[in-house]
Amino acid sequence: MIEPSPVVETRRLSLRAPAAQDISRLTSLANDADVARMTLRMPHPYSADDAEAFVLAVAGQDPARAATFLIEHEDHGPVGVIGLFEDSDPAPEVGYWIGRPFWGRGYATEALQGALVWASRRWRRRALVAGHFTDNPASGRVLEKAGFLYTGEVRTGFSRARRADAETRRMVWLA
């Protein structure tokens, strides 16, 4: 049985469902062009209405097909988001973002490692896919540190924040 709102604990972080009290913090962190432009789905500018819609969408997710977590640091509060979801790929995809004030502190890697443990043990997934824009090698390093391997595939996808197509290097993780 999959928990509808799981909580994943790591050394410094808690991964939990975003809630109404997180809307202003999500808006503040996500309304940064440099954060949004490294994602496919995040718009820029990012408003409180976008954050509210995001929180409501997460609350309505089918826990058998998707799990989205707010990444919360023990001292700093919310620092980003990580999500796992089924789409057109044979394996579920993982995506994440970290607010700019928290870049370079290892939070993305720690959150991803925690989410992978959860995905394999509780969600019972044996493979996940991910990608990073070719102009975002830092995200590729995060994925590599968590055990993802490059597939050799490069996809083009439309980035809402860039309002343009961007090339994505595809990676896979096997439990």
Protein backbone atom coordinates (compact mmCIF):
# COMPACT_ATOMS: atom_id res chain seq x y z
CA MET A 1 0.00 0.00 0.00
CA ILE A 2 1.34 3.42 -0.97
CA GLU A 3 0.93 6.21 1.56
CA PRO A 4 -1.15 9.07 0.14
CA SER A 5 1.14 11.71 1.73
CA PRO A 6 4.46 10.08 2.57
CA VAL A 7 7.22 11.83 4.49
CA VAL A 8 10.82 10.95 3.68
CA GLU A 9 13.54 11.90 6.16
CA THR A 10 17.20 12.35 5.20
CA ARG A 11 20.11 13.66 7.25
CA ARG A 12 19.17 17.35 6.84
CA LEU A 13 15.90 17.29 4.93
CA SER A 14 12.29 16.22 5.11
CA LEU A 15 10.43 15.46 1.91
CA ARG A 16 6.71 16.03 2.45
CA ALA A 17 3.59 17.08 0.60
CA PRO A 18 3.38 20.83 -0.07
CA ALA A 19 0.55 22.55 1.79
CA ALA A 20 -1.29 25.87 1.80
CA GLN A 21 1.15 27.37 4.32
CA ASP A 22 3.97 26.81 1.77
CA ILE A 23 2.44 28.94 -1.00
CA SER A 24 4.27 32.18 -0.20
CA ARG A 25 7.63 30.41 0.19
CA LEU A 26 7.12 28.45 -3.05
CA THR A 27 6.23 31.68 -4.83
CA SER A 28 9.33 33.42 -3.50
CA LEU A 29 11.73 30.61 -4.43
CA ALA A 30 10.17 29.68 -7.78
CA ASN A 31 9.76 33.24 -9.06
CA ASP A 32 13.40 33.33 -10.15
CA ALA A 33 14.11 33.21 -13.86
CA ASP A 34 17.29 31.20 -13.35
CA VAL A 35 15.41 28.52 -11.40
CA ALA A 36 12.42 28.36 -13.74
CA ARG A 37 14.48 28.28 -16.94
CA MET A 38 16.07 25.00 -15.89
CA THR A 39 12.66 23.25 -15.82
CA LEU A 40 10.22 22.22 -18.52
CA ARG A 41 6.97 22.87 -16.70
CA MET A 42 7.53 25.87 -14.41
CA PRO A 43 6.30 29.21 -15.75
CA HIS A 44 8.09 32.51 -15.25
CA PRO A 45 7.04 34.76 -13.73
CA TYR A 46 5.74 32.40 -11.03
CA SER A 47 2.87 33.84 -9.02
CA ALA A 48 1.04 32.93 -5.82
CA ASP A 49 -1.76 31.65 -8.07
CA ASP A 50 0.75 29.29 -9.73
CA ALA A 51 1.91 28.06 -6.32
CA GLU A 52 -1.67 27.56 -5.15
CA ALA A 53 -2.53 25.63 -8.32
CA PHE A 54 0.60 23.52 -7.79
CA VAL A 55 -0.34 22.67 -4.18
CA LEU A 56 -3.88 21.74 -5.27
CA ALA A 57 -2.59 19.61 -8.17
CA VAL A 58 -0.25 17.71 -5.84
CA ALA A 59 -3.12 17.10 -3.40
CA GLY A 60 -5.10 15.57 -6.27
CA GLN A 61 -2.34 13.27 -7.55
CA ASP A 62 -2.93 9.54 -7.81
CA PRO A 63 -0.32 8.18 -5.33
CA ALA A 64 0.12 5.07 -7.49
CA ARG A 65 1.24 7.24 -10.44
CA ALA A 66 2.92 10.29 -8.90
CA ALA A 67 4.52 11.63 -5.73
CA THR A 68 5.58 15.24 -5.31
CA PHE A 69 7.50 16.42 -2.28
CA LEU A 70 8.38 19.80 -0.86
CA ILE A 71 12.05 19.69 0.14
CA GLU A 72 12.27 21.16 3.64
CA HIS A 73 15.57 21.86 5.39
CA GLU A 74 15.68 21.48 9.16
CA ASP A 75 16.91 25.07 9.65
CA HIS A 76 15.97 26.94 6.46
CA GLY A 77 12.44 25.63 5.85
CA PRO A 78 11.33 24.86 2.28
CA VAL A 79 14.21 24.96 -0.22
CA GLY A 80 12.72 23.30 -3.32
CA VAL A 81 10.56 20.56 -4.80
CA ILE A 82 11.12 17.04 -6.10
CA GLY A 83 8.57 14.94 -7.96
CA LEU A 84 8.24 11.47 -9.42
CA PHE A 85 5.56 10.83 -12.00
CA GLU A 86 4.49 8.49 -14.74
CA ASP A 87 4.18 9.89 -18.26
CA SER A 88 4.98 8.53 -21.71
CA ASP A 89 8.31 6.91 -20.73
CA PRO A 90 8.41 3.22 -19.79
CA ALA A 91 9.69 4.17 -16.31
CA PRO A 92 8.53 7.03 -14.08
CA GLU A 93 10.42 10.32 -14.37
CA VAL A 94 11.94 12.36 -11.58
CA GLY A 95 12.35 16.14 -11.66
CA TYR A 96 13.43 18.67 -9.06
CA TRP A 97 14.39 22.26 -8.45
CA ILE A 98 16.15 24.08 -5.62
CA GLY A 99 15.77 27.78 -4.79
CA ARG A 100 18.80 29.85 -5.76
CA PRO A 101 19.82 30.78 -2.17
CA PHE A 102 20.35 27.06 -1.56
CA TRP A 103 22.32 26.08 -4.67
CA GLY A 104 25.63 24.31 -4.17
CA ARG A 105 24.84 22.90 -0.71
CA GLY A 106 24.06 19.33 -1.74
CA TYR A 107 20.33 19.59 -1.02
CA ALA A 108 19.26 18.40 -4.47
CA THR A 109 21.52 15.34 -4.25
CA GLU A 110 20.35 14.52 -0.71
CA ALA A 111 16.68 14.96 -1.63
CA LEU A 112 17.10 12.85 -4.77
CA GLN A 113 18.83 10.06 -2.87
CA GLY A 114 16.03 10.06 -0.29
CA ALA A 115 13.38 10.01 -3.01
CA LEU A 116 15.12 7.09 -4.75
CA VAL A 117 15.12 5.03 -1.55
CA TRP A 118 11.42 5.80 -1.12
CA ALA A 119 10.68 4.98 -4.79
CA SER A 120 12.38 1.60 -4.61
CA ARG A 121 11.12 0.53 -1.15
CA ARG A 122 7.66 2.08 -0.79
CA TRP A 123 6.64 2.85 -4.39
CA ARG A 124 8.29 -0.38 -5.57
CA ARG A 125 9.88 1.12 -8.68
CA ARG A 126 13.00 -0.52 -10.07
CA ALA A 127 13.83 2.12 -12.68
CA LEU A 128 13.42 5.88 -13.05
CA VAL A 129 14.34 8.27 -15.80
CA ALA A 130 15.39 11.90 -15.64
CA GLY A 131 16.90 14.56 -17.80
CA HIS A 132 18.72 17.82 -17.58
CA PHE A 133 19.08 20.63 -20.06
CA THR A 134 22.38 20.54 -21.92
CA ASP A 135 23.17 24.01 -20.51
CA ASN A 136 22.66 22.78 -16.91
CA PRO A 137 25.57 20.42 -16.20
CA ALA A 138 25.15 20.96 -12.43
CA SER A 139 21.87 19.04 -12.59
CA GLY A 140 23.64 16.27 -14.48
CA ARG A 141 26.18 16.03 -11.65
CA VAL A 142 23.33 15.74 -9.11
CA LEU A 143 21.82 12.88 -11.10
CA GLU A 144 25.20 11.15 -11.50
CA LYS A 145 25.90 11.36 -7.74
CA ALA A 146 22.54 9.66 -7.13
CA GLY A 147 23.44 6.79 -9.48
CA PHE A 148 21.81 7.87 -12.76
CA LEU A 149 23.58 6.94 -15.99
CA TYR A 150 23.41 8.70 -19.35
CA THR A 151 21.40 6.85 -22.01
CA GLY A 152 22.87 8.71 -24.99
CA GLU A 153 19.44 10.08 -25.87
CA VAL A 154 18.91 13.82 -26.26
CA ARG A 155 15.34 15.07 -26.43
CA THR A 156 13.96 18.44 -27.31
CA GLY A 157 11.21 19.74 -25.06
CA PHE A 158 9.41 23.04 -24.65
CA SER A 159 10.44 24.99 -21.56
CA ARG A 160 7.59 27.21 -20.36
CA ALA A 161 9.93 29.67 -18.64
CA ARG A 162 12.24 29.96 -21.65
CA ARG A 163 9.28 30.04 -24.03
CA ALA A 164 11.48 27.94 -26.31
CA ASP A 165 12.63 24.42 -26.98
CA ALA A 166 15.58 23.12 -24.99
CA GLU A 167 17.69 19.99 -25.44
CA THR A 168 17.54 17.52 -22.57
CA ARG A 169 20.15 14.83 -21.94
CA ARG A 170 18.30 11.71 -20.77
CA MET A 171 19.44 9.50 -17.88
CA VAL A 172 18.25 6.30 -16.19
CA TRP A 173 18.47 4.90 -12.66
CA LEU A 174 18.10 1.20 -11.92
CA ALA A 175 17.48 -0.10 -8.39
